[in-house]
Amino acid sequence: FMLGLPCFVMSFVRSRALGYILLLGLTALLFYYA
């Protein structure tokens, strides 16, 4: 799942830094809340 998710998100986001922030945020949501 974590190999596919970054590829999917980065295919839509042009900024690498923004993509990393989104991915870390999604992972934190899955870890703490979801």
ModelCIF file with pLDDT and N, C-alpha, C, O atoms, coordinates in Angstrom:
data_MODEL
#
_entry.id   MODEL 
#
_entity.id                         1 
_entity.type                       polymer 
_entity.pdbx_number_of_molecules   1 
#
_entity_poly.entity_id                      1 
_entity_poly.type                           'polypeptide(L)' 
_entity_poly.nstd_linkage                   no 
_entity_poly.nstd_monomer                   no 
_entity_poly.pdbx_seq_one_letter_code       FMLGLPCFVMSFVRSRALGYILLLGLTALLFYYA 
_entity_poly.pdbx_seq_one_letter_code_can   FMLGLPCFVMSFVRSRALGYILLLGLTALLFYYA 
_entity_poly.pdbx_strand_id                 A 
#
loop_
_entity_poly_seq.entity_id 
_entity_poly_seq.num 
_entity_poly_seq.mon_id 
_entity_poly_seq.hetero 
1 1  PHE n 
1 2  MET n 
1 3  LEU n 
1 4  GLY n 
1 5  LEU n 
1 6  PRO n 
1 7  CYS n 
1 8  PHE n 
1 9  VAL n 
1 10 MET n 
1 11 SER n 
1 12 PHE n 
1 13 VAL n 
1 14 ARG n 
1 15 SER n 
1 16 ARG n 
1 17 ALA n 
1 18 LEU n 
1 19 GLY n 
1 20 TYR n 
1 21 ILE n 
1 22 LEU n 
1 23 LEU n 
1 24 LEU n 
1 25 GLY n 
1 26 LEU n 
1 27 THR n 
1 28 ALA n 
1 29 LEU n 
1 30 LEU n 
1 31 PHE n 
1 32 TYR n 
1 33 TYR n 
1 34 ALA n 
#
_struct_asym.id          A 
_struct_asym.entity_id   1 
#
loop_
_ma_qa_metric.id 
_ma_qa_metric.mode 
_ma_qa_metric.name 
_ma_qa_metric.software_group_id 
_ma_qa_metric.type 
1 global pLDDT . pLDDT 
2 local  pLDDT . pLDDT 
#
_ma_qa_metric_global.metric_id      1 
_ma_qa_metric_global.metric_value   86.26 
_ma_qa_metric_global.model_id       1 
_ma_qa_metric_global.ordinal_id     1 
#
loop_
_ma_qa_metric_local.label_asym_id 
_ma_qa_metric_local.label_comp_id 
_ma_qa_metric_local.label_seq_id 
_ma_qa_metric_local.metric_id 
_ma_qa_metric_local.metric_value 
_ma_qa_metric_local.model_id 
_ma_qa_metric_local.ordinal_id 
A PHE 1  2 93.00 1 1  
A MET 2  2 91.00 1 2  
A LEU 3  2 89.00 1 3  
A GLY 4  2 88.00 1 4  
A LEU 5  2 89.00 1 5  
A PRO 6  2 87.00 1 6  
A CYS 7  2 82.00 1 7  
A PHE 8  2 85.00 1 8  
A VAL 9  2 86.00 1 9  
A MET 10 2 82.00 1 10 
A SER 11 2 78.00 1 11 
A PHE 12 2 82.00 1 12 
A VAL 13 2 82.00 1 13 
A ARG 14 2 77.00 1 14 
A SER 15 2 81.00 1 15 
A ARG 16 2 82.00 1 16 
A ALA 17 2 84.00 1 17 
A LEU 18 2 89.00 1 18 
A GLY 19 2 86.00 1 19 
A TYR 20 2 89.00 1 20 
A ILE 21 2 90.00 1 21 
A LEU 22 2 91.00 1 22 
A LEU 23 2 90.00 1 23 
A LEU 24 2 92.00 1 24 
A GLY 25 2 91.00 1 25 
A LEU 26 2 90.00 1 26 
A THR 27 2 90.00 1 27 
A ALA 28 2 90.00 1 28 
A LEU 29 2 89.00 1 29 
A LEU 30 2 86.00 1 30 
A PHE 31 2 85.00 1 31 
A TYR 32 2 84.00 1 32 
A TYR 33 2 84.00 1 33 
A ALA 34 2 79.00 1 34 
#
loop_
_atom_site.group_PDB 
_atom_site.id 
_atom_site.type_symbol 
_atom_site.label_atom_id 
_atom_site.label_alt_id 
_atom_site.label_comp_id 
_atom_site.label_asym_id 
_atom_site.label_entity_id 
_atom_site.label_seq_id 
_atom_site.pdbx_PDB_ins_code 
_atom_site.Cartn_x 
_atom_site.Cartn_y 
_atom_site.Cartn_z 
_atom_site.occupancy 
_atom_site.B_iso_or_equiv 
_atom_site.pdbx_formal_charge 
_atom_site.auth_seq_id 
_atom_site.auth_comp_id 
_atom_site.auth_asym_id 
_atom_site.auth_atom_id 
_atom_site.pdbx_PDB_model_num 
ATOM 1   N N  . PHE A 1 1  ? 0.827  -1.214 0.000   1.00 93.00 ? 1  PHE A N  1 
ATOM 2   C CA . PHE A 1 1  ? 0.000  0.000  0.000   1.00 93.00 ? 1  PHE A CA 1 
ATOM 3   C C  . PHE A 1 1  ? 0.855  1.255  0.000   1.00 93.00 ? 1  PHE A C  1 
ATOM 4   O O  . PHE A 1 1  ? 0.579  2.196  -0.744  1.00 93.00 ? 1  PHE A O  1 
ATOM 5   N N  . MET A 1 2  ? 1.902  1.278  0.837   1.00 91.00 ? 2  MET A N  1 
ATOM 6   C CA . MET A 1 2  ? 2.733  2.464  0.942   1.00 91.00 ? 2  MET A CA 1 
ATOM 7   C C  . MET A 1 2  ? 3.666  2.629  -0.250  1.00 91.00 ? 2  MET A C  1 
ATOM 8   O O  . MET A 1 2  ? 4.194  3.723  -0.455  1.00 91.00 ? 2  MET A O  1 
ATOM 9   N N  . LEU A 1 3  ? 3.888  1.589  -1.042  1.00 89.00 ? 3  LEU A N  1 
ATOM 10  C CA . LEU A 1 3  ? 4.630  1.750  -2.291  1.00 89.00 ? 3  LEU A CA 1 
ATOM 11  C C  . LEU A 1 3  ? 3.754  2.366  -3.366  1.00 89.00 ? 3  LEU A C  1 
ATOM 12  O O  . LEU A 1 3  ? 4.233  3.138  -4.196  1.00 89.00 ? 3  LEU A O  1 
ATOM 13  N N  . GLY A 1 4  ? 2.472  2.027  -3.355  1.00 88.00 ? 4  GLY A N  1 
ATOM 14  C CA . GLY A 1 4  ? 1.566  2.561  -4.366  1.00 88.00 ? 4  GLY A CA 1 
ATOM 15  C C  . GLY A 1 4  ? 1.063  3.953  -4.067  1.00 88.00 ? 4  GLY A C  1 
ATOM 16  O O  . GLY A 1 4  ? 0.911  4.767  -4.978  1.00 88.00 ? 4  GLY A O  1 
ATOM 17  N N  . LEU A 1 5  ? 0.799  4.244  -2.787  1.00 89.00 ? 5  LEU A N  1 
ATOM 18  C CA . LEU A 1 5  ? 0.226  5.540  -2.421  1.00 89.00 ? 5  LEU A CA 1 
ATOM 19  C C  . LEU A 1 5  ? 1.112  6.724  -2.807  1.00 89.00 ? 5  LEU A C  1 
ATOM 20  O O  . LEU A 1 5  ? 0.598  7.672  -3.400  1.00 89.00 ? 5  LEU A O  1 
ATOM 21  N N  . PRO A 1 6  ? 2.423  6.725  -2.505  1.00 87.00 ? 6  PRO A N  1 
ATOM 22  C CA . PRO A 1 6  ? 3.254  7.861  -2.924  1.00 87.00 ? 6  PRO A CA 1 
ATOM 23  C C  . PRO A 1 6  ? 3.279  8.051  -4.434  1.00 87.00 ? 6  PRO A C  1 
ATOM 24  O O  . PRO A 1 6  ? 3.257  9.183  -4.916  1.00 87.00 ? 6  PRO A O  1 
ATOM 25  N N  . CYS A 1 7  ? 3.325  6.951  -5.188  1.00 82.00 ? 7  CYS A N  1 
ATOM 26  C CA . CYS A 1 7  ? 3.301  7.059  -6.647  1.00 82.00 ? 7  CYS A CA 1 
ATOM 27  C C  . CYS A 1 7  ? 2.018  7.727  -7.114  1.00 82.00 ? 7  CYS A C  1 
ATOM 28  O O  . CYS A 1 7  ? 2.037  8.581  -8.001  1.00 82.00 ? 7  CYS A O  1 
ATOM 29  N N  . PHE A 1 8  ? 0.901  7.331  -6.509  1.00 85.00 ? 8  PHE A N  1 
ATOM 30  C CA . PHE A 1 8  ? -0.401 7.889  -6.885  1.00 85.00 ? 8  PHE A CA 1 
ATOM 31  C C  . PHE A 1 8  ? -0.482 9.379  -6.573  1.00 85.00 ? 8  PHE A C  1 
ATOM 32  O O  . PHE A 1 8  ? -0.895 10.178 -7.413  1.00 85.00 ? 8  PHE A O  1 
ATOM 33  N N  . VAL A 1 9  ? -0.085 9.742  -5.360  1.00 86.00 ? 9  VAL A N  1 
ATOM 34  C CA . VAL A 1 9  ? -0.160 11.153 -4.948  1.00 86.00 ? 9  VAL A CA 1 
ATOM 35  C C  . VAL A 1 9  ? 0.792  12.006 -5.766  1.00 86.00 ? 9  VAL A C  1 
ATOM 36  O O  . VAL A 1 9  ? 0.420  13.090 -6.215  1.00 86.00 ? 9  VAL A O  1 
ATOM 37  N N  . MET A 1 10 ? 2.026  11.527 -5.967  1.00 82.00 ? 10 MET A N  1 
ATOM 38  C CA . MET A 1 10 ? 3.019  12.301 -6.701  1.00 82.00 ? 10 MET A CA 1 
ATOM 39  C C  . MET A 1 10 ? 2.670  12.449 -8.184  1.00 82.00 ? 10 MET A C  1 
ATOM 40  O O  . MET A 1 10 ? 3.179  13.350 -8.851  1.00 82.00 ? 10 MET A O  1 
ATOM 41  N N  . SER A 1 11 ? 1.803  11.571 -8.704  1.00 78.00 ? 11 SER A N  1 
ATOM 42  C CA . SER A 1 11 ? 1.407  11.695 -10.102 1.00 78.00 ? 11 SER A CA 1 
ATOM 43  C C  . SER A 1 11 ? 0.467  12.871 -10.311 1.00 78.00 ? 11 SER A C  1 
ATOM 44  O O  . SER A 1 11 ? 0.265  13.310 -11.443 1.00 78.00 ? 11 SER A O  1 
ATOM 45  N N  . PHE A 1 12 ? -0.112 13.388 -9.222  1.00 82.00 ? 12 PHE A N  1 
ATOM 46  C CA . PHE A 1 12 ? -1.001 14.542 -9.315  1.00 82.00 ? 12 PHE A CA 1 
ATOM 47  C C  . PHE A 1 12 ? -0.349 15.819 -8.801  1.00 82.00 ? 12 PHE A C  1 
ATOM 48  O O  . PHE A 1 12 ? -0.705 16.915 -9.235  1.00 82.00 ? 12 PHE A O  1 
ATOM 49  N N  . VAL A 1 13 ? 0.605  15.688 -7.877  1.00 82.00 ? 13 VAL A N  1 
ATOM 50  C CA . VAL A 1 13 ? 1.220  16.859 -7.250  1.00 82.00 ? 13 VAL A CA 1 
ATOM 51  C C  . VAL A 1 13 ? 2.553  17.158 -7.924  1.00 82.00 ? 13 VAL A C  1 
ATOM 52  O O  . VAL A 1 13 ? 3.412  16.281 -8.024  1.00 82.00 ? 13 VAL A O  1 
ATOM 53  N N  . ARG A 1 14 ? 2.724  18.374 -8.378  1.00 77.00 ? 14 ARG A N  1 
ATOM 54  C CA . ARG A 1 14 ? 3.962  18.762 -9.061  1.00 77.00 ? 14 ARG A CA 1 
ATOM 55  C C  . ARG A 1 14 ? 5.098  19.059 -8.091  1.00 77.00 ? 14 ARG A C  1 
ATOM 56  O O  . ARG A 1 14 ? 6.265  18.801 -8.383  1.00 77.00 ? 14 ARG A O  1 
ATOM 57  N N  . SER A 1 15 ? 4.741  19.600 -6.943  1.00 81.00 ? 15 SER A N  1 
ATOM 58  C CA . SER A 1 15 ? 5.757  19.974 -5.962  1.00 81.00 ? 15 SER A CA 1 
ATOM 59  C C  . SER A 1 15 ? 6.135  18.763 -5.111  1.00 81.00 ? 15 SER A C  1 
ATOM 60  O O  . SER A 1 15 ? 5.275  18.145 -4.484  1.00 81.00 ? 15 SER A O  1 
ATOM 61  N N  . ARG A 1 16 ? 7.422  18.430 -5.094  1.00 82.00 ? 16 ARG A N  1 
ATOM 62  C CA . ARG A 1 16 ? 7.877  17.291 -4.294  1.00 82.00 ? 16 ARG A CA 1 
ATOM 63  C C  . ARG A 1 16 ? 7.662  17.552 -2.808  1.00 82.00 ? 16 ARG A C  1 
ATOM 64  O O  . ARG A 1 16 ? 7.230  16.655 -2.084  1.00 82.00 ? 16 ARG A O  1 
ATOM 65  N N  . ALA A 1 17 ? 7.954  18.755 -2.344  1.00 84.00 ? 17 ALA A N  1 
ATOM 66  C CA . ALA A 1 17 ? 7.801  19.080 -0.923  1.00 84.00 ? 17 ALA A CA 1 
ATOM 67  C C  . ALA A 1 17 ? 6.336  18.974 -0.501  1.00 84.00 ? 17 ALA A C  1 
ATOM 68  O O  . ALA A 1 17 ? 6.029  18.430 0.559   1.00 84.00 ? 17 ALA A O  1 
ATOM 69  N N  . LEU A 1 18 ? 5.432  19.498 -1.338  1.00 89.00 ? 18 LEU A N  1 
ATOM 70  C CA . LEU A 1 18 ? 4.003  19.415 -1.020  1.00 89.00 ? 18 LEU A CA 1 
ATOM 71  C C  . LEU A 1 18 ? 3.541  17.962 -1.013  1.00 89.00 ? 18 LEU A C  1 
ATOM 72  O O  . LEU A 1 18 ? 2.731  17.570 -0.174  1.00 89.00 ? 18 LEU A O  1 
ATOM 73  N N  . GLY A 1 19 ? 4.048  17.174 -1.934  1.00 86.00 ? 19 GLY A N  1 
ATOM 74  C CA . GLY A 1 19 ? 3.690  15.764 -1.970  1.00 86.00 ? 19 GLY A CA 1 
ATOM 75  C C  . GLY A 1 19 ? 4.115  15.032 -0.715  1.00 86.00 ? 19 GLY A C  1 
ATOM 76  O O  . GLY A 1 19 ? 3.361  14.224 -0.173  1.00 86.00 ? 19 GLY A O  1 
ATOM 77  N N  . TYR A 1 20 ? 5.328  15.315 -0.248  1.00 89.00 ? 20 TYR A N  1 
ATOM 78  C CA . TYR A 1 20 ? 5.805  14.671 0.978   1.00 89.00 ? 20 TYR A CA 1 
ATOM 79  C C  . TYR A 1 20 ? 4.951  15.078 2.182   1.00 89.00 ? 20 TYR A C  1 
ATOM 80  O O  . TYR A 1 20 ? 4.638  14.250 3.037   1.00 89.00 ? 20 TYR A O  1 
ATOM 81  N N  . ILE A 1 21 ? 4.583  16.345 2.242   1.00 90.00 ? 21 ILE A N  1 
ATOM 82  C CA . ILE A 1 21 ? 3.748  16.818 3.351   1.00 90.00 ? 21 ILE A CA 1 
ATOM 83  C C  . ILE A 1 21 ? 2.389  16.121 3.341   1.00 90.00 ? 21 ILE A C  1 
ATOM 84  O O  . ILE A 1 21 ? 1.897  15.697 4.386   1.00 90.00 ? 21 ILE A O  1 
ATOM 85  N N  . LEU A 1 22 ? 1.789  16.005 2.161   1.00 91.00 ? 22 LEU A N  1 
ATOM 86  C CA . LEU A 1 22 ? 0.499  15.324 2.040   1.00 91.00 ? 22 LEU A CA 1 
ATOM 87  C C  . LEU A 1 22 ? 0.605  13.854 2.446   1.00 91.00 ? 22 LEU A C  1 
ATOM 88  O O  . LEU A 1 22 ? -0.254 13.334 3.159   1.00 91.00 ? 22 LEU A O  1 
ATOM 89  N N  . LEU A 1 23 ? 1.661  13.195 1.986   1.00 90.00 ? 23 LEU A N  1 
ATOM 90  C CA . LEU A 1 23 ? 1.829  11.777 2.279   1.00 90.00 ? 23 LEU A CA 1 
ATOM 91  C C  . LEU A 1 23 ? 2.094  11.529 3.762   1.00 90.00 ? 23 LEU A C  1 
ATOM 92  O O  . LEU A 1 23 ? 1.538  10.599 4.347   1.00 90.00 ? 23 LEU A O  1 
ATOM 93  N N  . LEU A 1 24 ? 2.937  12.354 4.366   1.00 92.00 ? 24 LEU A N  1 
ATOM 94  C CA . LEU A 1 24 ? 3.181  12.208 5.800   1.00 92.00 ? 24 LEU A CA 1 
ATOM 95  C C  . LEU A 1 24 ? 1.914  12.500 6.597   1.00 92.00 ? 24 LEU A C  1 
ATOM 96  O O  . LEU A 1 24 ? 1.646  11.856 7.611   1.00 92.00 ? 24 LEU A O  1 
ATOM 97  N N  . GLY A 1 25 ? 1.133  13.479 6.127   1.00 91.00 ? 25 GLY A N  1 
ATOM 98  C CA . GLY A 1 25 ? -0.137 13.783 6.786   1.00 91.00 ? 25 GLY A CA 1 
ATOM 99  C C  . GLY A 1 25 ? -1.126 12.637 6.679   1.00 91.00 ? 25 GLY A C  1 
ATOM 100 O O  . GLY A 1 25 ? -1.794 12.303 7.658   1.00 91.00 ? 25 GLY A O  1 
ATOM 101 N N  . LEU A 1 26 ? -1.229 12.025 5.494   1.00 90.00 ? 26 LEU A N  1 
ATOM 102 C CA . LEU A 1 26 ? -2.120 10.875 5.314   1.00 90.00 ? 26 LEU A CA 1 
ATOM 103 C C  . LEU A 1 26 ? -1.693 9.699  6.179   1.00 90.00 ? 26 LEU A C  1 
ATOM 104 O O  . LEU A 1 26 ? -2.528 9.013  6.769   1.00 90.00 ? 26 LEU A O  1 
ATOM 105 N N  . THR A 1 27 ? -0.376 9.472  6.250   1.00 90.00 ? 27 THR A N  1 
ATOM 106 C CA . THR A 1 27 ? 0.125  8.379  7.075   1.00 90.00 ? 27 THR A CA 1 
ATOM 107 C C  . THR A 1 27 ? -0.169 8.633  8.549   1.00 90.00 ? 27 THR A C  1 
ATOM 108 O O  . THR A 1 27 ? -0.533 7.712  9.280   1.00 90.00 ? 27 THR A O  1 
ATOM 109 N N  . ALA A 1 28 ? -0.010 9.886  8.988   1.00 90.00 ? 28 ALA A N  1 
ATOM 110 C CA . ALA A 1 28 ? -0.315 10.224 10.375  1.00 90.00 ? 28 ALA A CA 1 
ATOM 111 C C  . ALA A 1 28 ? -1.799 10.027 10.675  1.00 90.00 ? 28 ALA A C  1 
ATOM 112 O O  . ALA A 1 28 ? -2.159 9.561  11.756  1.00 90.00 ? 28 ALA A O  1 
ATOM 113 N N  . LEU A 1 29 ? -2.660 10.383 9.716   1.00 89.00 ? 29 LEU A N  1 
ATOM 114 C CA . LEU A 1 29 ? -4.103 10.172 9.908   1.00 89.00 ? 29 LEU A CA 1 
ATOM 115 C C  . LEU A 1 29 ? -4.426 8.685  10.026  1.00 89.00 ? 29 LEU A C  1 
ATOM 116 O O  . LEU A 1 29 ? -5.222 8.282  10.873  1.00 89.00 ? 29 LEU A O  1 
ATOM 117 N N  . LEU A 1 30 ? -3.806 7.877  9.173   1.00 86.00 ? 30 LEU A N  1 
ATOM 118 C CA . LEU A 1 30 ? -4.031 6.435  9.239   1.00 86.00 ? 30 LEU A CA 1 
ATOM 119 C C  . LEU A 1 30 ? -3.526 5.854  10.556  1.00 86.00 ? 30 LEU A C  1 
ATOM 120 O O  . LEU A 1 30 ? -4.123 4.930  11.109  1.00 86.00 ? 30 LEU A O  1 
ATOM 121 N N  . PHE A 1 31 ? -2.427 6.401  11.045  1.00 85.00 ? 31 PHE A N  1 
ATOM 122 C CA . PHE A 1 31 ? -1.813 5.871  12.262  1.00 85.00 ? 31 PHE A CA 1 
ATOM 123 C C  . PHE A 1 31 ? -2.566 6.286  13.526  1.00 85.00 ? 31 PHE A C  1 
ATOM 124 O O  . PHE A 1 31 ? -2.779 5.469  14.422  1.00 85.00 ? 31 PHE A O  1 
ATOM 125 N N  . TYR A 1 32 ? -2.971 7.562  13.597  1.00 84.00 ? 32 TYR A N  1 
ATOM 126 C CA . TYR A 1 32 ? -3.552 8.086  14.833  1.00 84.00 ? 32 TYR A CA 1 
ATOM 127 C C  . TYR A 1 32 ? -5.076 8.025  14.883  1.00 84.00 ? 32 TYR A C  1 
ATOM 128 O O  . TYR A 1 32 ? -5.644 7.764  15.944  1.00 84.00 ? 32 TYR A O  1 
ATOM 129 N N  . TYR A 1 33 ? -5.750 8.262  13.755  1.00 84.00 ? 33 TYR A N  1 
ATOM 130 C CA . TYR A 1 33 ? -7.193 8.449  13.788  1.00 84.00 ? 33 TYR A CA 1 
ATOM 131 C C  . TYR A 1 33 ? -7.981 7.400  12.995  1.00 84.00 ? 33 TYR A C  1 
ATOM 132 O O  . TYR A 1 33 ? -8.966 6.856  13.495  1.00 84.00 ? 33 TYR A O  1 
ATOM 133 N N  . ALA A 1 34 ? -7.554 7.118  11.769  1.00 79.00 ? 34 ALA A N  1 
ATOM 134 C CA . ALA A 1 34 ? -8.353 6.252  10.900  1.00 79.00 ? 34 ALA A CA 1 
ATOM 135 C C  . ALA A 1 34 ? -8.459 4.823  11.426  1.00 79.00 ? 34 ALA A C  1 
ATOM 136 O O  . ALA A 1 34 ? -9.101 3.981  10.799  1.00 79.00 ? 34 ALA A O  1 
#
